[in-house]
C-alpha atoms as a PDB file:
ATOM      1  CA  MET A   1      -0.226  36.213 -37.409  1.00  0.00           C
ATOM      2  CA  THR A   2      -0.807  38.240 -40.392  1.00  0.00           C
ATOM      3  CA  LYS A   3       0.893  42.189 -39.773  1.00  0.00           C
ATOM      4  CA  ALA A   4      -2.604  43.047 -38.589  1.00  0.00           C
ATOM      5  CA  ASN A   5      -2.537  41.035 -35.393  1.00  0.00           C
ATOM      6  CA  ARG A   6       0.854  41.072 -35.432  1.00  0.00           C
ATOM      7  CA  GLU A   7       0.140  45.551 -34.424  1.00  0.00           C
ATOM      8  CA  SER A   8      -3.097  44.917 -32.291  1.00  0.00           C
ATOM      9  CA  GLY A   9      -0.083  42.968 -30.161  1.00  0.00           C
ATOM     10  CA  SER A  10       1.055  46.293 -29.192  1.00  0.00           C
ATOM     11  CA  ARG A  11      -2.273  48.398 -28.714  1.00  0.00           C
ATOM     12  CA  TRP A  12      -4.564  47.077 -25.870  1.00  0.00           C
ATOM     13  CA  LEU A  13      -7.583  48.992 -24.872  1.00  0.00           C
ATOM     14  CA  ILE A  14      -7.493  49.509 -20.499  1.00  0.00           C
ATOM     15  CA  LEU A  15     -10.838  49.398 -18.615  1.00  0.00           C
ATOM     16  CA  VAL A  16     -10.578  51.267 -15.373  1.00  0.00           C
ATOM     17  CA  ILE A  17     -14.305  50.271 -14.189  1.00  0.00           C
ATOM     18  CA  LYS A  18     -15.707  51.149 -10.798  1.00  0.00           C
ATOM     19  CA  LEU A  19     -18.592  49.733  -9.529  1.00  0.00           C
ATOM     20  CA  PRO A  20     -21.021  50.642  -6.117  1.00  0.00           C
ATOM     21  CA  ALA A  21     -20.461  47.826  -3.869  1.00  0.00           C
ATOM     22  CA  GLU A  22     -24.297  46.638  -3.024  1.00  0.00           C
ATOM     23  CA  PRO A  23     -26.349  45.324  -5.352  1.00  0.00           C
ATOM     24  CA  SER A  24     -23.758  43.007  -6.632  1.00  0.00           C
ATOM     25  CA  ARG A  25     -25.916  41.478  -9.911  1.00  0.00           C
ATOM     26  CA  HIS A  26     -24.335  45.092 -11.263  1.00  0.00           C
ATOM     27  CA  ARG A  27     -20.864  43.317 -10.993  1.00  0.00           C
ATOM     28  CA  VAL A  28     -21.617  40.805 -12.097  1.00  0.00           C
ATOM     29  CA  ALA A  29     -23.245  41.477 -14.852  1.00  0.00           C
ATOM     30  CA  VAL A  30     -20.145  43.444 -16.106  1.00  0.00           C
ATOM     31  CA  TRP A  31     -17.962  40.489 -15.124  1.00  0.00           C
ATOM     32  CA  ARG A  32     -20.140  38.614 -17.257  1.00  0.00           C
ATOM     33  CA  GLU A  33     -20.102  40.648 -20.503  1.00  0.00           C
ATOM     34  CA  LEU A  34     -16.006  41.109 -19.968  1.00  0.00           C
ATOM     35  CA  ARG A  35     -15.293  38.055 -19.555  1.00  0.00           C
ATOM     36  CA  ARG A  36     -17.882  36.737 -22.337  1.00  0.00           C
ATOM     37  CA  ILE A  37     -15.612  39.080 -25.011  1.00  0.00           C
ATOM     38  CA  GLY A  38     -12.479  37.776 -23.375  1.00  0.00           C
ATOM     39  CA  ALA A  39     -11.462  40.274 -21.562  1.00  0.00           C
ATOM     40  CA  LEU A  40      -8.027  40.218 -19.651  1.00  0.00           C
ATOM     41  CA  SER A  41      -8.437  40.799 -15.827  1.00  0.00           C
ATOM     42  CA  LEU A  42      -5.499  42.383 -14.572  1.00  0.00           C
ATOM     43  CA  GLY A  43      -6.637  42.899 -10.894  1.00  0.00           C
ATOM     44  CA  GLN A  44      -9.810  44.428  -9.344  1.00  0.00           C
ATOM     45  CA  GLY A  45     -11.680  46.716 -11.740  1.00  0.00           C
ATOM     46  CA  ILE A  46      -8.704  46.002 -14.801  1.00  0.00           C
ATOM     47  CA  TRP A  47      -9.345  44.655 -17.444  1.00  0.00           C
ATOM     48  CA  ALA A  48      -6.945  44.687 -21.384  1.00  0.00           C
ATOM     49  CA  VAL A  49      -8.498  43.650 -24.922  1.00  0.00           C
ATOM     50  CA  PRO A  50      -6.428  44.216 -27.611  1.00  0.00           C
ATOM     51  CA  ASP A  51      -7.556  47.499 -29.293  1.00  0.00           C
ATOM     52  CA  VAL A  52      -9.317  45.605 -32.795  1.00  0.00           C
ATOM     53  CA  PRO A  53     -12.773  46.081 -33.421  1.00  0.00           C
ATOM     54  CA  VAL A  54     -14.148  42.520 -32.423  1.00  0.00           C
ATOM     55  CA  PHE A  55     -13.895  44.366 -29.268  1.00  0.00           C
ATOM     56  CA  GLY A  56     -15.633  47.420 -29.351  1.00  0.00           C
ATOM     57  CA  ASP A  57     -19.386  45.771 -28.751  1.00  0.00           C
ATOM     58  CA  GLY A  58     -18.587  44.310 -25.663  1.00  0.00           C
ATOM     59  CA  ILE A  59     -16.531  47.208 -24.638  1.00  0.00           C
ATOM     60  CA  ALA A  60     -19.715  49.510 -24.564  1.00  0.00           C
ATOM     61  CA  ARG A  61     -21.941  46.644 -23.581  1.00  0.00           C
ATOM     62  CA  ALA A  62     -20.006  46.979 -19.973  1.00  0.00           C
ATOM     63  CA  ILE A  63     -19.854  50.600 -20.341  1.00  0.00           C
ATOM     64  CA  GLY A  64     -22.607  51.023 -20.639  1.00  0.00           C
ATOM     65  CA  LEU A  65     -23.790  48.007 -17.494  1.00  0.00           C
ATOM     66  CA  THR A  66     -21.564  50.071 -15.627  1.00  0.00           C
ATOM     67  CA  GLU A  67     -23.301  53.639 -16.166  1.00  0.00           C
ATOM     68  CA  GLN A  68     -26.454  52.388 -15.539  1.00  0.00           C
ATOM     69  CA  SER A  69     -25.278  50.736 -11.390  1.00  0.00           C
ATOM     70  CA  GLY A  70     -24.294  54.187 -11.026  1.00  0.00           C
ATOM     71  CA  GLY A  71     -20.304  53.343 -11.475  1.00  0.00           C
ATOM     72  CA  GLN A  72     -17.615  54.929 -14.018  1.00  0.00           C
ATOM     73  CA  ALA A  73     -15.000  53.675 -16.210  1.00  0.00           C
ATOM     74  CA  VAL A  74     -12.513  54.293 -18.146  1.00  0.00           C
ATOM     75  CA  THR A  75     -11.176  53.042 -21.372  1.00  0.00           C
ATOM     76  CA  LEU A  76      -7.172  53.984 -22.076  1.00  0.00           C
ATOM     77  CA  ASN A  77      -4.790  53.052 -24.746  1.00  0.00           C
ATOM     78  CA  ALA A  78      -2.209  51.627 -23.919  1.00  0.00           C
ATOM     79  CA  SER A  79       0.910  49.688 -25.645  1.00  0.00           C
ATOM     80  CA  GLY A  80       4.090  48.188 -22.928  1.00  0.00           C
ATOM     81  CA  ARG A  81       7.452  50.004 -22.264  1.00  0.00           C
ATOM     82  CA  GLY A  82       8.810  47.825 -25.014  1.00  0.00           C
ATOM     83  CA  PRO A  83       8.516  44.645 -27.203  1.00  0.00           C
ATOM     84  CA  GLU A  84       8.695  42.475 -24.047  1.00  0.00           C
ATOM     85  CA  ASP A  85       5.519  44.171 -22.520  1.00  0.00           C
ATOM     86  CA  ALA A  86       3.276  43.316 -25.345  1.00  0.00           C
ATOM     87  CA  ALA A  87       4.931  40.181 -26.057  1.00  0.00           C
ATOM     88  CA  ARG A  88       3.710  39.618 -22.045  1.00  0.00           C
ATOM     89  CA  PHE A  89       0.310  40.759 -22.510  1.00  0.00           C
ATOM     90  CA  GLN A  90      -0.347  38.737 -26.041  1.00  0.00           C
ATOM     91  CA  ALA A  91       0.983  35.574 -23.806  1.00  0.00           C
ATOM     92  CA  MET A  92      -1.997  36.661 -21.080  1.00  0.00           C
ATOM     93  CA  PHE A  93      -4.109  36.627 -24.252  1.00  0.00           C
ATOM     94  CA  THR A  94      -3.290  33.975 -26.266  1.00  0.00           C
ATOM     95  CA  ALA A  95      -3.462  31.848 -22.491  1.00  0.00           C
ATOM     96  CA  ALA A  96      -6.653  32.154 -21.928  1.00  0.00           C
ATOM     97  CA  ARG A  97      -7.990  32.089 -25.406  1.00  0.00           C
ATOM     98  CA  SER A  98      -6.333  28.175 -25.124  1.00  0.00           C
ATOM     99  CA  GLU A  99      -8.277  28.158 -21.752  1.00  0.00           C
ATOM    100  CA  ASP A 100     -11.570  28.899 -23.656  1.00  0.00           C
ATOM    101  CA  TRP A 101     -10.737  26.504 -26.355  1.00  0.00           C
ATOM    102  CA  THR A 102      -9.970  23.245 -23.933  1.00  0.00           C
ATOM    103  CA  GLU A 103     -13.583  23.950 -22.878  1.00  0.00           C
ATOM    104  CA  PHE A 104     -14.614  23.921 -26.072  1.00  0.00           C
ATOM    105  CA  LEU A 105     -13.273  20.580 -26.695  1.00  0.00           C
ATOM    106  CA  ALA A 106     -14.267  19.411 -23.836  1.00  0.00           C
ATOM    107  CA  ASP A 107     -17.897  20.137 -24.661  1.00  0.00           C
ATOM    108  CA  CYS A 108     -17.646  18.649 -28.158  1.00  0.00           C
ATOM    109  CA  GLY A 109     -16.326  14.995 -26.463  1.00  0.00           C
ATOM    110  CA  LYS A 110     -19.443  15.488 -23.820  1.00  0.00           C
ATOM    111  CA  PHE A 111     -21.384  15.791 -27.395  1.00  0.00           C
ATOM    112  CA  GLU A 112     -20.094  12.792 -29.146  1.00  0.00           C
ATOM    113  CA  ALA A 113     -20.413  10.827 -25.761  1.00  0.00           C
ATOM    114  CA  GLU A 114     -24.278  11.796 -25.340  1.00  0.00           C
ATOM    115  CA  ILE A 115     -24.404  10.644 -28.723  1.00  0.00           C
ATOM    116  CA  ALA A 116     -23.375   7.932 -28.895  1.00  0.00           C
ATOM    117  CA  LYS A 117     -25.540   7.515 -25.831  1.00  0.00           C
ATOM    118  CA  GLU A 118     -27.972   7.427 -27.652  1.00  0.00           C
ATOM    119  CA  ILE A 119     -27.295   5.072 -30.303  1.00  0.00           C
ATOM    120  CA  ARG A 120     -26.114   2.431 -27.669  1.00  0.00           C
ATOM    121  CA  ILE A 121     -29.659   2.722 -26.339  1.00  0.00           C
ATOM    122  CA  ALA A 122     -31.455   3.290 -29.469  1.00  0.00           C
ATOM    123  CA  LYS A 123     -32.961   6.464 -29.177  1.00  0.00           C
ATOM    124  CA  PHE A 124     -33.800   7.236 -32.429  1.00  0.00           C
ATOM    125  CA  THR A 125     -36.818   9.934 -31.573  1.00  0.00           C
ATOM    126  CA  LEU A 126     -36.851  13.869 -33.402  1.00  0.00           C
ATOM    127  CA  ALA A 127     -37.872  15.197 -29.905  1.00  0.00           C
ATOM    128  CA  GLU A 128     -33.802  13.707 -29.196  1.00  0.00           C
ATOM    129  CA  LEU A 129     -32.466  14.701 -32.366  1.00  0.00           C
ATOM    130  CA  GLU A 130     -33.721  18.155 -32.374  1.00  0.00           C
ATOM    131  CA  GLU A 131     -31.848  18.305 -28.579  1.00  0.00           C
ATOM    132  CA  GLU A 132     -28.775  17.005 -30.069  1.00  0.00           C
ATOM    133  CA  GLU A 133     -29.224  19.462 -33.061  1.00  0.00           C
ATOM    134  CA  GLN A 134     -29.758  22.500 -30.281  1.00  0.00           C
ATOM    135  CA  SER A 135     -26.618  21.175 -28.601  1.00  0.00           C
ATOM    136  CA  LEU A 136     -24.458  21.778 -32.516  1.00  0.00           C
ATOM    137  CA  GLU A 137     -25.516  24.799 -32.930  1.00  0.00           C
ATOM    138  CA  ARG A 138     -24.538  25.771 -29.285  1.00  0.00           C
ATOM    139  CA  LEU A 139     -21.226  24.818 -30.837  1.00  0.00           C
ATOM    140  CA  ARG A 140     -20.681  26.815 -33.272  1.00  0.00           C
ATOM    141  CA  ARG A 141     -22.413  29.337 -31.896  1.00  0.00           C
ATOM    142  CA  TRP A 142     -19.105  29.141 -28.789  1.00  0.00           C
ATOM    143  CA  HIS A 143     -16.612  28.384 -32.059  1.00  0.00           C
ATOM    144  CA  ARG A 144     -17.572  31.540 -33.848  1.00  0.00           C
ATOM    145  CA  ASP A 145     -17.300  33.413 -30.711  1.00  0.00           C
ATOM    146  CA  LEU A 146     -14.267  31.873 -29.468  1.00  0.00           C
ATOM    147  CA  THR A 147     -12.906  32.642 -33.169  1.00  0.00           C
ATOM    148  CA  ALA A 148     -13.506  36.304 -33.090  1.00  0.00           C
ATOM    149  CA  ARG A 149     -12.414  37.121 -29.857  1.00  0.00           C
ATOM    150  CA  ASP A 150      -8.877  35.033 -30.580  1.00  0.00           C
ATOM    151  CA  VAL A 151      -6.818  37.574 -32.130  1.00  0.00           C
ATOM    152  CA  PHE A 152      -3.703  36.100 -31.754  1.00  0.00           C
ATOM    153  CA  GLY A 153      -4.388  32.465 -32.785  1.00  0.00           C
ATOM    154  CA  ALA A 154      -3.967  29.718 -30.148  1.00  0.00           C
ATOM    155  CA  LEU A 155      -2.764  26.719 -31.002  1.00  0.00           C
ATOM    156  CA  GLU A 156      -5.553  24.970 -29.964  1.00  0.00           C
ATOM    157  CA  ALA A 157      -8.009  26.960 -32.847  1.00  0.00           C
ATOM    158  CA  ALA A 158      -7.333  24.628 -35.334  1.00  0.00           C
ATOM    159  CA  GLU A 159      -7.669  21.163 -33.201  1.00  0.00           C
ATOM    160  CA  ALA A 160     -11.470  22.649 -32.215  1.00  0.00           C
ATOM    161  CA  GLY A 161     -12.110  23.464 -36.433  1.00  0.00           C
ATOM    162  CA  GLU A 162     -11.635  19.846 -36.846  1.00  0.00           C
ATOM    163  CA  ARG A 163     -13.231  18.479 -33.824  1.00  0.00           C
ATOM    164  CA  LEU A 164     -16.699  20.837 -34.464  1.00  0.00           C
ATOM    165  CA  LYS A 165     -16.200  19.234 -37.857  1.00  0.00           C
ATOM    166  CA  ARG A 166     -16.034  15.700 -36.504  1.00  0.00           C
ATOM    167  CA  CYS A 167     -19.639  16.836 -34.120  1.00  0.00           C
ATOM    168  CA  THR A 168     -21.052  18.258 -37.341  1.00  0.00           C
ATOM    169  CA  THR A 169     -20.573  14.307 -39.197  1.00  0.00           C
ATOM    170  CA  VAL A 170     -21.424  12.308 -35.735  1.00  0.00           C
ATOM    171  CA  CYS A 171     -24.730  14.544 -35.825  1.00  0.00           C
ATOM    172  CA  GLU A 172     -25.477  14.128 -39.265  1.00  0.00           C
ATOM    173  CA  ASP A 173     -25.303  10.221 -38.760  1.00  0.00           C
ATOM    174  CA  TYR A 174     -27.625  10.243 -35.961  1.00  0.00           C
ATOM    175  CA  ALA A 175     -29.625  12.418 -37.739  1.00  0.00           C
ATOM    176  CA  GLU A 176     -29.817   9.066 -40.043  1.00  0.00           C
ATOM    177  CA  ARG A 177     -30.361   6.566 -37.999  1.00  0.00           C
ATOM    178  CA  VAL A 178     -33.290   8.415 -36.748  1.00  0.00           C
ATOM    179  CA  PHE A 179     -34.873   9.212 -39.814  1.00  0.00           C
ATOM    180  CA  ARG A 180     -34.460   5.724 -40.925  1.00  0.00           C
ATOM    181  CA  ALA A 181     -35.604   4.291 -37.869  1.00  0.00           C
ATOM    182  CA  LEU A 182     -38.977   6.389 -37.947  1.00  0.00           C
ATOM    183  CA  HIS A 183     -39.321   5.298 -41.484  1.00  0.00           C
ATOM    184  CA  GLU A 184     -38.599   1.495 -40.920  1.00  0.00           C
ATOM    185  CA  VAL A 185     -42.146  -0.631 -41.854  1.00  0.00           C
ATOM    186  CA  PRO A 186     -42.961  -2.766 -38.827  1.00  0.00           C
ATOM    187  CA  GLU A 187     -43.065  -6.738 -39.894  1.00  0.00           C
ATOM    188  CA  GLN A 188     -47.008  -7.075 -39.941  1.00  0.00           C
ATOM    189  CA  GLY A 189     -48.004 -10.286 -37.418  1.00  0.00           C
ATOM    190  CA  ARG A 190     -45.123 -13.345 -37.784  1.00  0.00           C
END
C-alpha cells in the first residue's frame, strides 16, 4: 500500500442525503450513482468514500441529482477518533471492493463459458464475434472502474487482472477460429 493510500484510509468524505419520498426514481438515481462509485452505505441517507480525487466526480453527480430532485446534501470531511476507527472504515471499504471483484471474477467465468459453448457448437460468425468482443470490452471498462476505486488494494484485484488477460486470450483464440471458418474454401463437388 502506498503512503497516499495509507493516508486516505484516515480521511473520508461523508455524504448525508435527504430526498423527497416521491417520486422514488430520484432516490434510485442517487443510490445508483453512489453504488456505481463504490460509496459505503453507513445508514439511511449516509454514505462514505475515501477522501481521494477519484471519487470527486461521482460525489458531485450524486449531489447534483439530489439537488435537482429538491433534496438536500451535506458533505463532511471526517476521520476516525483513532487508528481503530480508520482501520475499521478501511476494512469495510475493502470488503465492499472484494465483493465487487468477486462479482467481476464470476462474470469472467461466464464470458469464458459462453465462448467455450460457441466453440463447442461451432458457431463461428462475425455477429457472434462482435457480441463477444463487446462483452470483453464491458469487462475491460468494469475492470478499469474497479481498479480506480479500489484505493486500498483488495486481495482479489491481482486475480482479476490475470483473469481479464485470460478472457482476452480466449476471445483472441475465438476470433482466429471465426476468421479461419469464414475463409475456408468449400470443397467442390466430390
